[in-house]
Amino acid sequence: MIYTIAINYSGVFMKIRYFISLAFTLIVLVFTCFVLGLGFNRWFLDLYAALIVIISPLIFMGILYGWKNMRSAFSVISGNYDKKDLLSAKTFFEIYGITVFLIAFIASVLSFIALLKYQTREEFGPAIALIAESFLYAGILNLVIVIPYKIIIKKKIITSS
């Protein structure tokens, strides 16, 4: 009984830590943007790069890993799961983190190829921005979702042993 209460308390504590890490990441990103003078204008937030880097890996993983298994991996931080489910979720997030960076790399290479085709100086900006933003969004996604989930899952595996 006491062990069950400790696990539930630990689960709530992990969720609180997760949300604190999200808030900290947001504060660091906003601070960095304003220190660099970027602000938040339409040139900084590129919807196409965000869709490519955020949505594509989810669809890719949903198709290959299975939609049910993907939902299970994302819901592992809320609830008690057995070791098999935790290991499955750990594998999912390891592959998902790699997939995000590979899709960002492919988008950047395609943007670089398009950049080489442009002749005027005005057309360089959007292509270079897409190259940089793809990796920016991949890094943020890994920092906000993949790494915290992997830490939470590893802690749950350790406490379930």
N, C-alpha and C. Protein backbone atom coordinates (compact mmCIF):
# COMPACT_ATOMS: atom_id res chain seq x y z
N MET A 1 0.82 -1.19 0.00
CA MET A 1 0.00 0.00 0.00
C MET A 1 0.87 1.26 0.00
N ILE A 2 1.86 1.31 0.86
CA ILE A 2 2.73 2.47 0.93
C ILE A 2 3.54 2.60 -0.35
N TYR A 3 3.96 1.47 -0.93
CA TYR A 3 4.73 1.48 -2.17
C TYR A 3 3.87 2.04 -3.31
N THR A 4 2.59 1.68 -3.37
CA THR A 4 1.69 2.19 -4.40
C THR A 4 1.52 3.70 -4.26
N ILE A 5 1.38 4.19 -3.06
CA ILE A 5 1.24 5.63 -2.84
C ILE A 5 2.52 6.34 -3.27
N ALA A 6 3.66 5.75 -3.00
CA ALA A 6 4.93 6.36 -3.39
C ALA A 6 5.05 6.44 -4.91
N ILE A 7 4.61 5.40 -5.62
CA ILE A 7 4.66 5.42 -7.08
C ILE A 7 3.72 6.48 -7.62
N ASN A 8 2.50 6.58 -7.08
CA ASN A 8 1.57 7.59 -7.56
C ASN A 8 2.08 8.99 -7.28
N TYR A 9 2.64 9.21 -6.10
CA TYR A 9 3.21 10.52 -5.77
C TYR A 9 4.37 10.83 -6.71
N SER A 10 5.17 9.82 -6.99
CA SER A 10 6.30 10.01 -7.89
C SER A 10 5.81 10.36 -9.29
N GLY A 11 4.70 9.75 -9.74
CA GLY A 11 4.14 10.06 -11.05
C GLY A 11 3.66 11.50 -11.13
N VAL A 12 3.01 11.98 -10.08
CA VAL A 12 2.56 13.38 -10.04
C VAL A 12 3.77 14.31 -10.01
N PHE A 13 4.77 13.94 -9.23
CA PHE A 13 5.98 14.75 -9.14
C PHE A 13 6.69 14.82 -10.50
N MET A 14 6.70 13.69 -11.25
CA MET A 14 7.32 13.69 -12.56
C MET A 14 6.57 14.59 -13.53
N LYS A 15 5.23 14.61 -13.45
CA LYS A 15 4.45 15.49 -14.32
C LYS A 15 4.75 16.95 -14.00
N ILE A 16 4.86 17.28 -12.73
CA ILE A 16 5.16 18.65 -12.33
C ILE A 16 6.54 19.04 -12.86
N ARG A 17 7.51 18.14 -12.71
CA ARG A 17 8.85 18.42 -13.24
C ARG A 17 8.82 18.63 -14.75
N TYR A 18 8.01 17.82 -15.43
CA TYR A 18 7.89 17.93 -16.89
C TYR A 18 7.36 19.31 -17.27
N PHE A 19 6.32 19.78 -16.61
CA PHE A 19 5.75 21.08 -16.94
C PHE A 19 6.69 22.22 -16.56
N ILE A 20 7.45 22.05 -15.49
CA ILE A 20 8.45 23.06 -15.13
C ILE A 20 9.54 23.11 -16.20
N SER A 21 9.95 21.95 -16.71
CA SER A 21 10.97 21.94 -17.77
C SER A 21 10.43 22.58 -19.04
N LEU A 22 9.13 22.40 -19.34
CA LEU A 22 8.54 23.06 -20.51
C LEU A 22 8.55 24.58 -20.34
N ALA A 23 8.18 25.04 -19.16
CA ALA A 23 8.17 26.47 -18.89
C ALA A 23 9.58 27.04 -18.98
N PHE A 24 10.56 26.34 -18.43
CA PHE A 24 11.94 26.79 -18.48
C PHE A 24 12.44 26.88 -19.92
N THR A 25 12.12 25.87 -20.73
CA THR A 25 12.52 25.87 -22.14
C THR A 25 11.91 27.05 -22.87
N LEU A 26 10.65 27.32 -22.62
CA LEU A 26 9.98 28.45 -23.26
C LEU A 26 10.62 29.77 -22.85
N ILE A 27 10.93 29.92 -21.57
CA ILE A 27 11.57 31.15 -21.08
C ILE A 27 12.94 31.33 -21.74
N VAL A 28 13.72 30.26 -21.83
CA VAL A 28 15.06 30.35 -22.45
C VAL A 28 14.93 30.73 -23.93
N LEU A 29 13.97 30.12 -24.64
CA LEU A 29 13.80 30.44 -26.06
C LEU A 29 13.37 31.88 -26.28
N VAL A 30 12.41 32.34 -25.50
CA VAL A 30 11.93 33.72 -25.64
C VAL A 30 13.05 34.69 -25.29
N PHE A 31 13.77 34.43 -24.21
CA PHE A 31 14.88 35.30 -23.79
C PHE A 31 15.94 35.36 -24.88
N THR A 32 16.29 34.20 -25.43
CA THR A 32 17.32 34.15 -26.47
C THR A 32 16.88 34.93 -27.71
N CYS A 33 15.62 34.77 -28.08
CA CYS A 33 15.12 35.48 -29.26
C CYS A 33 15.17 36.99 -29.08
N PHE A 34 14.82 37.47 -27.90
CA PHE A 34 14.84 38.91 -27.68
C PHE A 34 16.25 39.45 -27.48
N VAL A 35 17.14 38.66 -26.91
CA VAL A 35 18.53 39.10 -26.78
C VAL A 35 19.17 39.22 -28.15
N LEU A 36 18.85 38.28 -29.04
CA LEU A 36 19.40 38.32 -30.39
C LEU A 36 18.69 39.34 -31.27
N GLY A 37 17.60 39.92 -30.76
CA GLY A 37 16.87 40.92 -31.53
C GLY A 37 15.92 40.32 -32.56
N LEU A 38 15.61 39.03 -32.43
CA LEU A 38 14.73 38.41 -33.40
C LEU A 38 13.26 38.76 -33.14
N GLY A 39 12.88 38.82 -31.88
CA GLY A 39 11.47 39.03 -31.55
C GLY A 39 10.66 37.85 -32.04
N PHE A 40 9.39 38.05 -32.13
CA PHE A 40 8.51 37.01 -32.69
C PHE A 40 7.71 37.63 -33.82
N ASN A 41 8.28 37.66 -34.97
CA ASN A 41 7.57 38.17 -36.13
C ASN A 41 7.31 37.05 -37.11
N ARG A 42 6.71 37.37 -38.21
CA ARG A 42 6.32 36.32 -39.16
C ARG A 42 7.53 35.66 -39.83
N TRP A 43 8.70 36.29 -39.80
CA TRP A 43 9.87 35.68 -40.41
C TRP A 43 10.50 34.63 -39.52
N PHE A 44 10.28 34.76 -38.22
CA PHE A 44 10.90 33.81 -37.29
C PHE A 44 10.11 32.51 -37.22
N LEU A 45 8.80 32.60 -37.28
CA LEU A 45 7.95 31.41 -37.17
C LEU A 45 7.51 30.99 -38.57
N ASP A 46 8.07 29.95 -39.07
CA ASP A 46 7.75 29.46 -40.40
C ASP A 46 6.81 28.27 -40.27
N LEU A 47 5.59 28.43 -40.72
CA LEU A 47 4.57 27.39 -40.59
C LEU A 47 4.94 26.14 -41.37
N TYR A 48 5.50 26.31 -42.56
CA TYR A 48 5.85 25.15 -43.37
C TYR A 48 6.94 24.29 -42.73
N ALA A 49 7.96 24.94 -42.21
CA ALA A 49 9.02 24.19 -41.54
C ALA A 49 8.48 23.48 -40.31
N ALA A 50 7.63 24.16 -39.57
CA ALA A 50 7.04 23.55 -38.37
C ALA A 50 6.19 22.34 -38.75
N LEU A 51 5.39 22.46 -39.79
CA LEU A 51 4.56 21.33 -40.21
C LEU A 51 5.41 20.15 -40.68
N ILE A 52 6.45 20.47 -41.43
CA ILE A 52 7.32 19.39 -41.94
C ILE A 52 8.00 18.67 -40.79
N VAL A 53 8.56 19.41 -39.85
CA VAL A 53 9.38 18.81 -38.79
C VAL A 53 8.53 18.23 -37.65
N ILE A 54 7.37 18.81 -37.38
CA ILE A 54 6.57 18.33 -36.25
C ILE A 54 5.54 17.29 -36.67
N ILE A 55 4.82 17.53 -37.74
CA ILE A 55 3.73 16.64 -38.14
C ILE A 55 4.25 15.40 -38.89
N SER A 56 5.20 15.58 -39.79
CA SER A 56 5.70 14.45 -40.59
C SER A 56 6.23 13.29 -39.75
N PRO A 57 7.06 13.55 -38.72
CA PRO A 57 7.53 12.41 -37.92
C PRO A 57 6.40 11.69 -37.18
N LEU A 58 5.40 12.45 -36.73
CA LEU A 58 4.26 11.80 -36.06
C LEU A 58 3.51 10.87 -36.99
N ILE A 59 3.26 11.34 -38.21
CA ILE A 59 2.57 10.50 -39.19
C ILE A 59 3.44 9.29 -39.54
N PHE A 60 4.72 9.54 -39.76
CA PHE A 60 5.67 8.46 -40.08
C PHE A 60 5.69 7.40 -38.99
N MET A 61 5.81 7.85 -37.73
CA MET A 61 5.86 6.90 -36.62
C MET A 61 4.50 6.22 -36.40
N GLY A 62 3.42 6.95 -36.62
CA GLY A 62 2.10 6.34 -36.49
C GLY A 62 1.88 5.22 -37.48
N ILE A 63 2.37 5.41 -38.69
CA ILE A 63 2.22 4.38 -39.72
C ILE A 63 3.12 3.18 -39.41
N LEU A 64 4.37 3.43 -39.09
CA LEU A 64 5.31 2.32 -38.87
C LEU A 64 5.16 1.65 -37.51
N TYR A 65 4.97 2.44 -36.47
CA TYR A 65 4.92 1.89 -35.11
C TYR A 65 3.52 1.47 -34.72
N GLY A 66 2.54 2.04 -35.39
CA GLY A 66 1.14 1.76 -35.09
C GLY A 66 0.55 2.88 -34.26
N TRP A 67 -0.64 3.32 -34.64
CA TRP A 67 -1.28 4.45 -33.95
C TRP A 67 -1.57 4.12 -32.49
N LYS A 68 -2.01 2.89 -32.24
CA LYS A 68 -2.33 2.49 -30.86
C LYS A 68 -1.07 2.47 -30.00
N ASN A 69 0.01 1.93 -30.54
CA ASN A 69 1.27 1.88 -29.80
C ASN A 69 1.83 3.29 -29.58
N MET A 70 1.63 4.17 -30.55
CA MET A 70 2.10 5.54 -30.40
C MET A 70 1.31 6.27 -29.32
N ARG A 71 0.00 6.09 -29.29
CA ARG A 71 -0.82 6.69 -28.22
C ARG A 71 -0.40 6.15 -26.87
N SER A 72 -0.13 4.85 -26.82
CA SER A 72 0.31 4.23 -25.57
C SER A 72 1.65 4.81 -25.10
N ALA A 73 2.56 5.06 -26.04
CA ALA A 73 3.86 5.62 -25.68
C ALA A 73 3.72 7.03 -25.12
N PHE A 74 2.83 7.83 -25.70
CA PHE A 74 2.64 9.19 -25.21
C PHE A 74 1.88 9.24 -23.89
N SER A 75 1.09 8.21 -23.60
CA SER A 75 0.30 8.22 -22.35
C SER A 75 1.03 7.54 -21.20
N VAL A 76 2.26 7.14 -21.40
CA VAL A 76 2.99 6.39 -20.38
C VAL A 76 3.32 7.23 -19.15
N ILE A 77 3.36 8.55 -19.28
CA ILE A 77 3.67 9.36 -18.10
C ILE A 77 2.49 9.47 -17.15
N SER A 78 1.30 9.16 -17.62
CA SER A 78 0.13 9.23 -16.73
C SER A 78 -0.40 7.81 -16.54
N GLY A 79 -0.06 7.22 -15.43
CA GLY A 79 -0.54 5.88 -15.13
C GLY A 79 0.59 4.92 -14.85
N ASN A 80 0.20 3.76 -14.37
CA ASN A 80 1.17 2.71 -14.08
C ASN A 80 1.16 1.70 -15.21
N TYR A 81 2.30 1.47 -15.77
CA TYR A 81 2.44 0.52 -16.87
C TYR A 81 3.47 -0.53 -16.47
N ASP A 82 3.34 -1.70 -17.09
CA ASP A 82 4.31 -2.75 -16.79
C ASP A 82 5.60 -2.47 -17.57
N LYS A 83 6.61 -3.28 -17.26
CA LYS A 83 7.94 -3.05 -17.83
C LYS A 83 7.94 -3.19 -19.35
N LYS A 84 7.13 -4.10 -19.88
CA LYS A 84 7.07 -4.30 -21.33
C LYS A 84 6.57 -3.04 -22.03
N ASP A 85 5.52 -2.42 -21.49
CA ASP A 85 5.00 -1.17 -22.08
C ASP A 85 6.00 -0.04 -21.96
N LEU A 86 6.70 0.02 -20.84
CA LEU A 86 7.71 1.07 -20.65
C LEU A 86 8.87 0.91 -21.63
N LEU A 87 9.30 -0.32 -21.84
CA LEU A 87 10.39 -0.56 -22.80
C LEU A 87 9.94 -0.26 -24.22
N SER A 88 8.69 -0.57 -24.52
CA SER A 88 8.14 -0.25 -25.84
C SER A 88 8.09 1.26 -26.04
N ALA A 89 7.67 2.00 -25.03
CA ALA A 89 7.62 3.46 -25.12
C ALA A 89 9.03 4.04 -25.23
N LYS A 90 9.97 3.46 -24.51
CA LYS A 90 11.37 3.92 -24.58
C LYS A 90 11.91 3.75 -26.00
N THR A 91 11.63 2.61 -26.60
CA THR A 91 12.05 2.36 -27.98
C THR A 91 11.39 3.35 -28.93
N PHE A 92 10.11 3.62 -28.72
CA PHE A 92 9.39 4.57 -29.57
C PHE A 92 10.06 5.94 -29.52
N PHE A 93 10.35 6.44 -28.34
CA PHE A 93 10.92 7.79 -28.24
C PHE A 93 12.36 7.86 -28.74
N GLU A 94 13.10 6.77 -28.63
CA GLU A 94 14.44 6.76 -29.21
C GLU A 94 14.36 6.88 -30.73
N ILE A 95 13.46 6.11 -31.34
CA ILE A 95 13.30 6.16 -32.79
C ILE A 95 12.67 7.49 -33.23
N TYR A 96 11.72 7.98 -32.45
CA TYR A 96 11.05 9.24 -32.77
C TYR A 96 12.05 10.40 -32.76
N GLY A 97 12.94 10.45 -31.78
CA GLY A 97 13.95 11.51 -31.73
C GLY A 97 14.85 11.50 -32.95
N ILE A 98 15.24 10.31 -33.38
CA ILE A 98 16.08 10.19 -34.57
C ILE A 98 15.30 10.60 -35.82
N THR A 99 14.04 10.18 -35.89
CA THR A 99 13.20 10.49 -37.04
C THR A 99 13.01 11.99 -37.21
N VAL A 100 12.82 12.70 -36.12
CA VAL A 100 12.65 14.16 -36.18
C VAL A 100 13.87 14.81 -36.80
N PHE A 101 15.06 14.42 -36.37
CA PHE A 101 16.27 15.02 -36.93
C PHE A 101 16.52 14.59 -38.37
N LEU A 102 16.17 13.35 -38.73
CA LEU A 102 16.34 12.92 -40.12
C LEU A 102 15.41 13.68 -41.06
N ILE A 103 14.18 13.91 -40.64
CA ILE A 103 13.26 14.67 -41.48
C ILE A 103 13.72 16.13 -41.57
N ALA A 104 14.23 16.69 -40.48
CA ALA A 104 14.77 18.05 -40.53
C ALA A 104 15.98 18.11 -41.47
N PHE A 105 16.81 17.08 -41.43
CA PHE A 105 17.97 17.02 -42.32
C PHE A 105 17.53 16.97 -43.79
N ILE A 106 16.54 16.13 -44.08
CA ILE A 106 16.05 16.02 -45.46
C ILE A 106 15.45 17.35 -45.91
N ALA A 107 14.66 18.00 -45.06
CA ALA A 107 14.08 19.30 -45.41
C ALA A 107 15.18 20.33 -45.64
N SER A 108 16.23 20.28 -44.85
CA SER A 108 17.34 21.23 -45.01
C SER A 108 18.09 20.98 -46.30
N VAL A 109 18.32 19.74 -46.64
CA VAL A 109 19.02 19.42 -47.89
C VAL A 109 18.18 19.86 -49.09
N LEU A 110 16.88 19.61 -49.04
CA LEU A 110 16.02 20.06 -50.14
C LEU A 110 16.01 21.58 -50.24
N SER A 111 16.03 22.26 -49.12
CA SER A 111 16.09 23.73 -49.13
C SER A 111 17.42 24.21 -49.69
N PHE A 112 18.49 23.50 -49.36
CA PHE A 112 19.81 23.86 -49.89
C PHE A 112 19.86 23.67 -51.40
N ILE A 113 19.26 22.60 -51.89
CA ILE A 113 19.20 22.38 -53.34
C ILE A 113 18.40 23.48 -54.01
N ALA A 114 17.27 23.86 -53.40
CA ALA A 114 16.48 24.96 -53.95
C ALA A 114 17.27 26.27 -53.90
N LEU A 115 18.05 26.44 -52.85
CA LEU A 115 18.88 27.64 -52.72
C LEU A 115 19.88 27.75 -53.86
N LEU A 116 20.45 26.64 -54.25
CA LEU A 116 21.43 26.64 -55.34
C LEU A 116 20.80 26.99 -56.69
N LYS A 117 19.50 26.78 -56.81
CA LYS A 117 18.80 27.07 -58.07
C LYS A 117 18.44 28.55 -58.19
N TYR A 118 18.36 29.28 -57.08
CA TYR A 118 17.93 30.68 -57.13
C TYR A 118 19.03 31.57 -57.69
N GLN A 119 18.62 32.58 -58.43
CA GLN A 119 19.59 33.49 -59.04
C GLN A 119 19.65 34.84 -58.32
N THR A 120 18.54 35.28 -57.74
CA THR A 120 18.53 36.61 -57.13
C THR A 120 18.81 36.52 -55.63
N ARG A 121 19.32 37.61 -55.11
CA ARG A 121 19.69 37.68 -53.69
C ARG A 121 18.46 37.64 -52.78
N GLU A 122 17.33 38.18 -53.22
CA GLU A 122 16.12 38.23 -52.42
C GLU A 122 15.54 36.84 -52.15
N GLU A 123 15.82 35.90 -53.02
CA GLU A 123 15.26 34.56 -52.88
C GLU A 123 16.09 33.67 -51.95
N PHE A 124 17.27 34.12 -51.55
CA PHE A 124 18.11 33.33 -50.66
C PHE A 124 17.54 33.24 -49.25
N GLY A 125 16.98 34.32 -48.76
CA GLY A 125 16.51 34.40 -47.37
C GLY A 125 15.56 33.29 -46.96
N PRO A 126 14.45 33.09 -47.68
CA PRO A 126 13.52 32.03 -47.27
C PRO A 126 14.13 30.64 -47.28
N ALA A 127 14.98 30.35 -48.25
CA ALA A 127 15.59 29.02 -48.30
C ALA A 127 16.58 28.82 -47.16
N ILE A 128 17.36 29.83 -46.85
CA ILE A 128 18.30 29.72 -45.73
C ILE A 128 17.54 29.62 -44.41
N ALA A 129 16.45 30.37 -44.30
CA ALA A 129 15.64 30.31 -43.09
C ALA A 129 15.06 28.91 -42.89
N LEU A 130 14.59 28.29 -43.96
CA LEU A 130 14.04 26.95 -43.84
C LEU A 130 15.11 25.95 -43.42
N ILE A 131 16.32 26.12 -43.91
CA ILE A 131 17.42 25.24 -43.51
C ILE A 131 17.65 25.36 -42.00
N ALA A 132 17.75 26.57 -41.50
CA ALA A 132 18.02 26.77 -40.08
C ALA A 132 16.82 26.40 -39.21
N GLU A 133 15.63 26.80 -39.64
CA GLU A 133 14.44 26.56 -38.82
C GLU A 133 14.10 25.09 -38.69
N SER A 134 14.40 24.30 -39.71
CA SER A 134 14.13 22.86 -39.61
C SER A 134 14.89 22.25 -38.45
N PHE A 135 16.16 22.59 -38.33
CA PHE A 135 16.95 22.07 -37.22
C PHE A 135 16.55 22.70 -35.89
N LEU A 136 16.15 23.96 -35.92
CA LEU A 136 15.67 24.62 -34.71
C LEU A 136 14.44 23.90 -34.17
N TYR A 137 13.47 23.64 -35.04
CA TYR A 137 12.25 22.96 -34.59
C TYR A 137 12.53 21.53 -34.16
N ALA A 138 13.45 20.86 -34.83
CA ALA A 138 13.81 19.50 -34.42
C ALA A 138 14.45 19.50 -33.03
N GLY A 139 15.32 20.47 -32.79
CA GLY A 139 15.94 20.58 -31.47
C GLY A 139 14.93 20.89 -30.38
N ILE A 140 14.02 21.82 -30.66
CA ILE A 140 12.99 22.17 -29.68
C ILE A 140 12.10 20.97 -29.40
N LEU A 141 11.70 20.26 -30.44
CA LEU A 141 10.84 19.08 -30.27
C LEU A 141 11.53 18.02 -29.42
N ASN A 142 12.80 17.81 -29.66
CA ASN A 142 13.54 16.84 -28.84
C ASN A 142 13.68 17.32 -27.41
N LEU A 143 13.92 18.60 -27.23
CA LEU A 143 14.09 19.16 -25.90
C LEU A 143 12.80 19.17 -25.10
N VAL A 144 11.67 19.38 -25.77
CA VAL A 144 10.39 19.52 -25.09
C VAL A 144 9.65 18.19 -24.93
N ILE A 145 9.80 17.28 -25.88
CA ILE A 145 9.04 16.03 -25.82
C ILE A 145 9.93 14.81 -25.62
N VAL A 146 10.87 14.60 -26.51
CA VAL A 146 11.61 13.33 -26.53
C VAL A 146 12.46 13.14 -25.27
N ILE A 147 13.29 14.10 -24.94
CA ILE A 147 14.18 13.94 -23.78
C ILE A 147 13.41 13.81 -22.47
N PRO A 148 12.41 14.69 -22.19
CA PRO A 148 11.67 14.50 -20.94
C PRO A 148 10.95 13.15 -20.85
N TYR A 149 10.34 12.72 -21.94
CA TYR A 149 9.66 11.43 -21.93
C TYR A 149 10.64 10.29 -21.69
N LYS A 150 11.81 10.36 -22.33
CA LYS A 150 12.80 9.31 -22.12
C LYS A 150 13.27 9.27 -20.67
N ILE A 151 13.43 10.43 -20.06
CA ILE A 151 13.84 10.47 -18.65
C ILE A 151 12.75 9.89 -17.77
N ILE A 152 11.51 10.29 -18.00
CA ILE A 152 10.39 9.78 -17.19
C ILE A 152 10.25 8.27 -17.34
N ILE A 153 10.39 7.79 -18.58
CA ILE A 153 10.27 6.34 -18.81
C ILE A 153 11.41 5.59 -18.13
N LYS A 154 12.63 6.10 -18.22
CA LYS A 154 13.76 5.43 -17.57
C LYS A 154 13.58 5.39 -16.05
N LYS A 155 13.07 6.49 -15.48
CA LYS A 155 12.81 6.50 -14.03
C LYS A 155 11.73 5.47 -13.67
N LYS A 156 10.71 5.35 -14.50
CA LYS A 156 9.66 4.38 -14.22
C LYS A 156 10.18 2.95 -14.35
N ILE A 157 11.06 2.72 -15.31
CA ILE A 157 11.66 1.39 -15.45
C ILE A 157 12.49 1.04 -14.23
N ILE A 158 13.26 2.01 -13.75
CA ILE A 158 14.09 1.79 -12.57
C ILE A 158 13.24 1.49 -11.34
N THR A 159 12.16 2.28 -11.17
CA THR A 159 11.32 2.05 -9.97
C THR A 159 10.49 0.79 -10.08
N SER A 160 10.24 0.30 -11.31
CA SER A 160 9.44 -0.93 -11.45
C SER A 160 10.28 -2.18 -11.27
N SER A 161 11.59 -2.06 -11.30
CA SER A 161 12.47 -3.24 -11.16
C SER A 161 12.55 -3.71 -9.75
